[in-house]
Amino acid sequence: MRYARILLKAMGALAMLLCAQAARADIVIGQTSGFTGQVKGSVEELSFGAKLYLDFVNASGGVNGQRIRLVQLDDKFDPKLAAANAEALIVKEGAVALFLSRGTPHTQAVLPHLAKHRVPLIAPSTGAMVLHQPPHPYVFNVRATYQREAMRAIEHLGVTGLSRVAVLHVKDSFGADAVVGALKGFENIGKSPVVVHEFERENPVFYGVAMKVLHSRAQAALIIGSATAVVDATKAIRAAGSSAQIITLSNNASGAFIKQMGEHARGTIVTQVFPYERASGPRFVRHALELAKGKGKTELSPAMLEGFAAAKVLVEAIKRAGKDPTRAALLAALHGMQRLDIGGLELSYSPTDHTGFDFVDLSIIAADGRFTR
């Protein structure tokens, strides 16, 4: 009887130990993004790229013996729902960090919840300047700003002799932010836009502005908006009879965008914030492609590469935060991250700089339906 009691106690202790280990087994990371709605395609590609690396890390034993569990909630590209999701991920799911949100107003809606719970947000998929300057204490970017992209796009058009440029931008914080960079680009080349038009984020109408683009004799049109908005605006501009060069920003750097553009994809210029996805040079590009092939993908998209790079930064922060990482430990690890080489790109954070990578390039959609640089 005595031995039976000892055995039961031992089994109970073992069960408690196993439960304690299981309770701390997963490092929970939360993601709210538009898995349905206007940006569904690019969000799927971003998430695929992130999961390539997270699955690889988990299959290799996790971080410090713990698996990373990514909990994803669909905000349908609605800022109010993004805010509600953020609170749920932090409070109900116990996420130690949020990750890879999508959209400027959507990420802005999440910010109060970061401050309230002192939770870091790593790699928001937006280049909003408000997330860079001044540096938000809980936001750690991995990509260049939209202002830098838009400025580079206008300067490129000027260099190529396309100086009559129309600018169409969505009526929200993303559009207002990016257009500042575009206007700086015009200033740098000594020109002014021939048309500036602000359109509604929900159900925009482009017929009127398309006629303005035609009558202004615009040689190019920079369209700042979601993939759906850029597609609809391009169709309207072509239907009006304008052959203006279409150019847009890296939020539309996805294979899904190319498919949506259909017959209008060829020749469209898209800014990029990561190295060429088919380049053999950068090690992290080669690694991403190797892992993608294991999932049945023979090619990467720029959005996949962004997600992959974001996941590498996330994992490095978790490693540096130690076993059973807390939110405070993650914040400290991120602030101390200096000269992190993810395999061809180098990133540094400090309390006064949360920008991350500052790479900007241009691509054009070729006849074969792929981005070319």
Protein backbone atom coordinates (compact mmCIF):
# COMPACT_ATOMS: atom_id res chain seq x y z
CA MET A 1 0.00 0.00 0.00
CA ARG A 2 2.89 2.29 0.92
CA TYR A 3 4.58 1.65 -2.40
CA ALA A 4 1.30 2.29 -4.22
CA ARG A 5 1.01 5.70 -2.50
CA ILE A 6 4.61 6.53 -3.40
CA LEU A 7 3.97 5.49 -6.99
CA LEU A 8 0.81 7.60 -7.15
CA LYS A 9 2.67 10.60 -5.75
CA ALA A 10 5.46 10.12 -8.27
CA MET A 11 2.97 9.82 -11.10
CA GLY A 12 1.19 12.93 -9.87
CA ALA A 13 4.44 14.86 -9.71
CA LEU A 14 5.35 13.68 -13.20
CA ALA A 15 1.93 14.71 -14.50
CA MET A 16 2.32 18.16 -12.96
CA LEU A 17 5.76 18.48 -14.50
CA LEU A 18 4.48 17.45 -17.91
CA CYS A 19 1.57 19.89 -17.62
CA ALA A 20 3.95 22.69 -16.67
CA GLN A 21 6.17 21.87 -19.64
CA ALA A 22 3.15 21.73 -21.97
CA ALA A 23 1.89 25.06 -20.63
CA ARG A 24 5.14 26.72 -21.58
CA ALA A 25 5.78 24.64 -24.68
CA ASP A 26 4.46 27.17 -27.18
CA ILE A 27 5.60 30.73 -27.68
CA VAL A 28 2.41 32.43 -28.86
CA ILE A 29 2.67 35.10 -31.56
CA GLY A 30 -0.47 36.89 -32.78
CA GLN A 31 -1.30 38.11 -36.27
CA THR A 32 -4.31 40.14 -37.34
CA SER A 33 -4.56 40.72 -41.07
CA GLY A 34 -6.94 40.80 -44.03
CA PHE A 35 -7.16 37.10 -44.86
CA THR A 36 -10.39 37.99 -46.66
CA GLY A 37 -11.25 41.25 -48.40
CA GLN A 38 -9.31 43.60 -50.67
CA VAL A 39 -5.79 42.43 -49.76
CA LYS A 40 -6.49 38.69 -49.39
CA GLY A 41 -3.98 37.61 -52.05
CA SER A 42 -0.99 39.57 -50.77
CA VAL A 43 -1.76 38.64 -47.14
CA GLU A 44 -1.77 34.96 -48.08
CA GLU A 45 1.63 35.37 -49.75
CA LEU A 46 3.07 37.31 -46.80
CA SER A 47 1.87 34.63 -44.39
CA PHE A 48 3.14 31.81 -46.60
CA GLY A 49 6.62 33.36 -46.57
CA ALA A 50 6.55 33.80 -42.79
CA LYS A 51 5.37 30.24 -42.21
CA LEU A 52 8.15 28.88 -44.44
CA TYR A 53 10.68 30.00 -41.85
CA LEU A 54 8.57 29.40 -38.74
CA ASP A 55 7.80 25.83 -39.85
CA PHE A 56 11.49 25.29 -40.54
CA VAL A 57 12.43 26.52 -37.06
CA ASN A 58 9.75 24.43 -35.36
CA ALA A 59 10.76 21.32 -37.32
CA SER A 60 14.35 21.91 -36.14
CA GLY A 61 13.32 21.88 -32.48
CA GLY A 62 11.93 25.38 -32.07
CA VAL A 63 13.66 28.17 -30.17
CA ASN A 64 15.38 27.12 -26.96
CA GLY A 65 13.33 23.92 -27.13
CA GLN A 66 10.00 25.71 -27.52
CA ARG A 67 7.76 25.82 -30.57
CA ILE A 68 6.44 29.06 -32.01
CA ARG A 69 2.66 29.05 -32.43
CA LEU A 70 1.31 31.69 -34.80
CA VAL A 71 -2.33 32.52 -34.01
CA GLN A 72 -3.97 34.28 -36.97
CA LEU A 73 -7.22 36.26 -36.94
CA ASP A 74 -8.95 37.71 -40.00
CA ASP A 75 -9.69 41.44 -39.75
CA LYS A 76 -11.20 41.54 -43.26
CA PHE A 77 -9.07 44.65 -43.92
CA ASP A 78 -11.23 46.58 -41.45
CA PRO A 79 -9.32 48.80 -38.96
CA LYS A 80 -11.97 48.41 -36.23
CA LEU A 81 -11.80 44.64 -36.47
CA ALA A 82 -7.99 44.79 -36.50
CA ALA A 83 -8.11 46.62 -33.16
CA ALA A 84 -10.54 44.09 -31.67
CA ASN A 85 -8.39 41.21 -32.93
CA ALA A 86 -5.27 42.73 -31.39
CA GLU A 87 -6.93 42.90 -27.98
CA ALA A 88 -8.14 39.31 -28.29
CA LEU A 89 -4.71 38.04 -29.34
CA ILE A 90 -2.99 39.80 -26.45
CA VAL A 91 -5.52 39.10 -23.68
CA LYS A 92 -7.24 35.83 -24.63
CA GLU A 93 -4.42 34.11 -26.50
CA GLY A 94 -1.60 35.51 -24.37
CA ALA A 95 0.55 36.53 -27.34
CA VAL A 96 3.98 37.81 -26.32
CA ALA A 97 4.19 39.77 -29.57
CA LEU A 98 2.04 40.74 -32.54
CA PHE A 99 3.40 40.18 -36.02
CA LEU A 100 2.91 41.07 -39.68
CA SER A 101 -0.19 43.25 -39.52
CA ARG A 102 -1.34 44.59 -42.89
CA GLY A 103 -2.38 48.14 -43.79
CA THR A 104 -1.64 51.61 -42.41
CA PRO A 105 -4.98 52.54 -40.74
CA HIS A 106 -5.27 48.95 -39.54
CA THR A 107 -1.88 49.03 -37.85
CA GLN A 108 -2.61 52.46 -36.39
CA ALA A 109 -5.78 51.01 -34.85
CA VAL A 110 -3.64 48.38 -33.10
CA LEU A 111 -1.20 50.87 -31.52
CA PRO A 112 -3.24 51.72 -28.38
CA HIS A 113 -3.41 48.01 -27.51
CA LEU A 114 0.37 47.68 -27.83
CA ALA A 115 0.89 50.55 -25.40
CA LYS A 116 -1.82 49.33 -23.01
CA HIS A 117 -0.29 45.86 -22.65
CA ARG A 118 3.35 46.74 -23.47
CA VAL A 119 3.46 44.29 -26.35
CA PRO A 120 5.84 44.62 -29.33
CA LEU A 121 4.58 44.53 -32.92
CA ILE A 122 7.21 43.08 -35.24
CA ALA A 123 7.24 43.64 -39.01
CA PRO A 124 3.98 45.44 -39.79
CA SER A 125 3.47 45.15 -43.55
CA THR A 126 3.14 48.88 -44.08
CA GLY A 127 5.67 51.60 -44.77
CA ALA A 128 3.79 54.35 -42.95
CA MET A 129 6.09 57.12 -41.77
CA VAL A 130 4.06 57.43 -38.55
CA LEU A 131 5.49 54.04 -37.55
CA HIS A 132 9.06 55.21 -38.23
CA GLN A 133 9.34 58.84 -37.15
CA PRO A 134 9.30 59.34 -34.28
CA PRO A 135 9.99 55.69 -33.52
CA HIS A 136 7.03 54.05 -31.81
CA PRO A 137 8.26 52.32 -28.63
CA TYR A 138 6.43 49.08 -29.47
CA VAL A 139 6.71 48.91 -33.29
CA PHE A 140 9.71 47.33 -35.02
CA ASN A 141 9.68 47.68 -38.81
CA VAL A 142 11.49 45.50 -41.33
CA ARG A 143 10.80 47.48 -44.50
CA ALA A 144 11.38 50.94 -45.97
CA THR A 145 8.80 53.72 -45.79
CA TYR A 146 6.11 54.41 -48.39
CA GLN A 147 7.38 57.98 -48.63
CA ARG A 148 10.79 56.73 -49.73
CA GLU A 149 9.15 54.39 -52.27
CA ALA A 150 6.91 57.10 -53.74
CA MET A 151 9.77 59.59 -53.94
CA ARG A 152 11.94 57.00 -55.72
CA ALA A 153 9.11 56.21 -58.16
CA ILE A 154 8.64 59.85 -59.18
CA GLU A 155 12.38 60.42 -59.49
CA HIS A 156 12.63 57.35 -61.74
CA LEU A 157 9.86 58.64 -63.99
CA GLY A 158 11.63 61.98 -64.22
CA VAL A 159 14.92 60.35 -65.20
CA THR A 160 13.19 58.37 -67.96
CA GLY A 161 11.61 61.55 -69.37
CA LEU A 162 8.06 60.93 -68.11
CA SER A 163 7.59 64.29 -66.43
CA ARG A 164 3.80 64.65 -66.87
CA VAL A 165 2.60 62.46 -64.02
CA ALA A 166 -0.82 62.07 -62.41
CA VAL A 167 -1.12 60.96 -58.77
CA LEU A 168 -4.18 59.06 -57.55
CA HIS A 169 -4.21 58.15 -53.87
CA VAL A 170 -6.61 56.53 -51.45
CA LYS A 171 -8.34 58.73 -48.88
CA ASP A 172 -6.85 57.30 -45.69
CA SER A 173 -3.66 57.54 -43.64
CA PHE A 174 -1.77 55.32 -46.12
CA GLY A 175 -2.60 57.55 -49.08
CA ALA A 176 -1.94 60.78 -47.18
CA ASP A 177 1.42 59.46 -46.04
CA ALA A 178 2.65 58.12 -49.38
CA VAL A 179 1.65 61.23 -51.32
CA VAL A 180 4.06 63.27 -49.17
CA GLY A 181 6.91 61.21 -50.61
CA ALA A 182 5.56 61.61 -54.13
CA LEU A 183 5.46 65.39 -53.77
CA LYS A 184 9.02 65.35 -52.46
CA GLY A 185 10.00 63.41 -55.58
CA PHE A 186 8.37 66.05 -57.80
CA GLU A 187 10.27 68.73 -55.90
CA ASN A 188 13.54 66.89 -56.46
CA ILE A 189 13.01 66.77 -60.25
CA GLY A 190 11.65 70.30 -60.46
CA LYS A 191 8.15 69.30 -61.66
CA SER A 192 4.56 69.26 -60.42
CA PRO A 193 1.88 66.59 -60.85
CA VAL A 194 -0.57 67.24 -63.69
CA VAL A 195 -3.40 65.67 -61.68
CA VAL A 196 -3.76 64.93 -57.96
CA HIS A 197 -6.88 62.97 -57.03
CA GLU A 198 -7.99 61.45 -53.73
CA PHE A 199 -10.41 58.51 -53.93
CA GLU A 200 -12.51 56.72 -51.32
CA ARG A 201 -11.13 53.55 -49.74
CA GLU A 202 -14.48 51.81 -49.98
CA ASN A 203 -16.21 51.65 -53.40
CA PRO A 204 -14.11 54.26 -55.23
CA VAL A 205 -15.29 55.64 -58.59
CA PHE A 206 -12.61 56.32 -61.22
CA TYR A 207 -14.43 57.36 -64.42
CA GLY A 208 -14.14 61.11 -63.78
CA VAL A 209 -10.48 61.11 -62.81
CA ALA A 210 -9.65 58.78 -65.71
CA MET A 211 -10.94 61.44 -68.08
CA LYS A 212 -8.79 64.02 -66.26
CA VAL A 213 -5.75 61.81 -66.72
CA LEU A 214 -6.52 61.59 -70.44
CA HIS A 215 -7.11 65.32 -70.93
CA SER A 216 -4.02 66.26 -68.90
CA ARG A 217 -1.92 64.26 -71.37
CA ALA A 218 -0.35 62.45 -68.43
CA GLN A 219 2.54 60.20 -69.44
CA ALA A 220 2.34 58.20 -66.22
CA ALA A 221 0.00 57.65 -63.30
CA LEU A 222 1.18 56.80 -59.80
CA ILE A 223 -1.72 54.96 -58.12
CA ILE A 224 -1.48 54.64 -54.33
CA GLY A 225 -4.05 52.19 -53.01
CA SER A 226 -4.98 48.55 -52.50
CA ALA A 227 -4.62 46.02 -55.31
CA THR A 228 -8.34 46.23 -56.09
CA ALA A 229 -8.23 50.03 -56.30
CA VAL A 230 -5.18 49.99 -58.59
CA VAL A 231 -6.82 47.43 -60.88
CA ASP A 232 -10.07 49.40 -61.10
CA ALA A 233 -8.26 52.71 -61.66
CA THR A 234 -6.08 51.19 -64.37
CA LYS A 235 -9.10 49.75 -66.17
CA ALA A 236 -10.82 53.15 -66.07
CA ILE A 237 -7.72 54.94 -67.37
CA ARG A 238 -7.38 52.50 -70.26
CA ALA A 239 -11.10 52.66 -71.03
CA ALA A 240 -10.81 56.46 -71.21
CA GLY A 241 -8.17 56.05 -73.92
CA SER A 242 -5.04 56.94 -71.95
CA SER A 243 -1.85 54.92 -72.40
CA ALA A 244 -0.17 56.43 -69.32
CA GLN A 245 2.49 54.31 -67.66
CA ILE A 246 1.01 52.78 -64.49
CA ILE A 247 3.16 52.69 -61.37
CA THR A 248 2.26 51.60 -57.83
CA LEU A 249 3.91 50.81 -54.50
CA SER A 250 5.19 47.64 -52.86
CA ASN A 251 1.96 46.92 -51.01
CA ASN A 252 0.97 45.47 -54.39
CA ALA A 253 4.17 43.47 -54.90
CA SER A 254 2.45 40.09 -55.03
CA GLY A 255 1.59 37.43 -57.56
CA ALA A 256 -2.06 37.92 -56.66
CA PHE A 257 -1.86 41.55 -57.84
CA ILE A 258 -0.47 40.47 -61.20
CA LYS A 259 -3.36 38.04 -61.63
CA GLN A 260 -5.88 40.73 -60.69
CA MET A 261 -4.39 43.13 -63.23
CA GLY A 262 -4.87 40.55 -65.98
CA GLU A 263 -4.32 42.01 -69.44
CA HIS A 264 -3.24 45.33 -67.89
CA ALA A 265 -0.40 43.83 -65.83
CA ARG A 266 2.29 43.95 -68.51
CA GLY A 267 4.48 47.04 -68.21
CA THR A 268 3.19 48.10 -64.79
CA ILE A 269 5.97 49.35 -62.52
CA VAL A 270 5.90 48.25 -58.87
CA THR A 271 8.33 49.50 -56.24
CA GLN A 272 10.06 46.83 -54.14
CA VAL A 273 11.50 46.84 -50.61
CA PHE A 274 13.47 43.57 -50.71
CA PRO A 275 16.08 42.16 -53.11
CA TYR A 276 15.00 40.40 -56.27
CA GLU A 277 13.12 37.20 -55.43
CA ARG A 278 14.84 35.34 -58.26
CA ALA A 279 18.35 36.56 -57.45
CA SER A 280 20.86 33.86 -56.55
CA GLY A 281 23.07 36.19 -54.52
CA PRO A 282 21.40 36.87 -51.16
CA ARG A 283 21.55 33.79 -48.92
CA PHE A 284 18.15 34.40 -47.39
CA VAL A 285 16.57 34.41 -50.87
CA ARG A 286 18.18 31.06 -51.64
CA HIS A 287 17.06 29.63 -48.30
CA ALA A 288 13.48 30.82 -48.81
CA LEU A 289 13.35 29.27 -52.27
CA GLU A 290 14.74 25.98 -50.98
CA LEU A 291 12.05 25.81 -48.29
CA ALA A 292 9.33 26.90 -50.75
CA LYS A 293 10.20 24.05 -53.08
CA GLY A 294 9.64 21.70 -50.17
CA LYS A 295 6.09 23.09 -50.00
CA GLY A 296 5.51 22.63 -53.72
CA LYS A 297 6.30 26.22 -54.79
CA THR A 298 8.86 26.68 -57.53
CA GLU A 299 8.98 30.47 -57.29
CA LEU A 300 8.76 33.20 -54.68
CA SER A 301 6.90 36.48 -54.85
CA PRO A 302 8.15 39.74 -53.27
CA ALA A 303 5.38 39.42 -50.65
CA MET A 304 6.57 35.93 -49.71
CA LEU A 305 10.10 37.25 -49.33
CA GLU A 306 8.88 40.05 -47.05
CA GLY A 307 7.10 37.52 -44.85
CA PHE A 308 10.19 35.30 -44.76
CA ALA A 309 12.47 38.19 -43.76
CA ALA A 310 9.96 39.27 -41.10
CA ALA A 311 9.92 35.78 -39.60
CA LYS A 312 13.73 35.71 -39.44
CA VAL A 313 13.73 38.94 -37.42
CA LEU A 314 10.98 37.60 -35.14
CA VAL A 315 12.84 34.35 -34.45
CA GLU A 316 16.10 36.16 -33.72
CA ALA A 317 14.31 38.39 -31.19
CA ILE A 318 12.80 35.30 -29.50
CA LYS A 319 16.22 33.63 -29.34
CA ARG A 320 17.73 36.67 -27.66
CA ALA A 321 14.84 36.94 -25.18
CA GLY A 322 15.74 33.61 -23.58
CA LYS A 323 13.65 30.64 -22.46
CA ASP A 324 9.97 31.34 -21.74
CA PRO A 325 10.29 34.84 -23.28
CA THR A 326 8.15 37.58 -21.81
CA ARG A 327 6.92 40.70 -23.59
CA ALA A 328 9.44 42.79 -21.66
CA ALA A 329 12.28 40.43 -22.58
CA LEU A 330 11.32 40.60 -26.26
CA LEU A 331 11.28 44.40 -26.17
CA ALA A 332 14.72 44.46 -24.59
CA ALA A 333 16.03 41.98 -27.15
CA LEU A 334 14.69 44.03 -30.04
CA HIS A 335 16.10 47.30 -28.72
CA GLY A 336 19.51 45.68 -28.40
CA MET A 337 19.50 44.10 -31.85
CA GLN A 338 22.53 45.43 -33.73
CA ARG A 339 23.80 44.52 -37.19
CA LEU A 340 21.60 41.45 -37.59
CA ASP A 341 22.50 39.76 -40.87
CA ILE A 342 19.55 37.67 -42.08
CA GLY A 343 21.53 36.37 -45.04
CA GLY A 344 22.32 39.32 -47.29
CA LEU A 345 20.48 42.15 -45.54
CA GLU A 346 21.57 43.79 -42.31
CA LEU A 347 19.26 45.29 -39.70
CA SER A 348 19.80 47.26 -36.50
CA TYR A 349 17.38 48.59 -33.89
CA SER A 350 17.89 50.98 -31.02
CA PRO A 351 15.59 52.99 -28.74
CA THR A 352 15.83 55.85 -31.26
CA ASP A 353 15.61 53.87 -34.53
CA HIS A 354 12.99 51.24 -35.38
CA THR A 355 13.22 51.45 -39.17
CA GLY A 356 14.89 48.14 -39.96
CA PHE A 357 15.82 47.66 -43.62
CA ASP A 358 15.84 50.73 -45.87
CA PHE A 359 16.10 48.97 -49.24
CA VAL A 360 14.06 50.35 -52.19
CA ASP A 361 14.12 49.18 -55.81
CA LEU A 362 11.87 49.20 -58.88
CA SER A 363 10.45 46.30 -60.86
CA ILE A 364 8.31 45.98 -63.96
CA ILE A 365 5.79 43.26 -64.77
CA ALA A 366 7.03 41.42 -67.85
CA ALA A 367 5.06 39.71 -70.61
CA ASP A 368 5.42 36.37 -68.81
CA GLY A 369 3.49 37.76 -65.83
CA ARG A 370 6.46 38.02 -63.45
CA PHE A 371 8.26 40.90 -61.76
CA THR A 372 11.50 41.78 -63.54
CA ARG A 373 14.28 44.12 -62.47
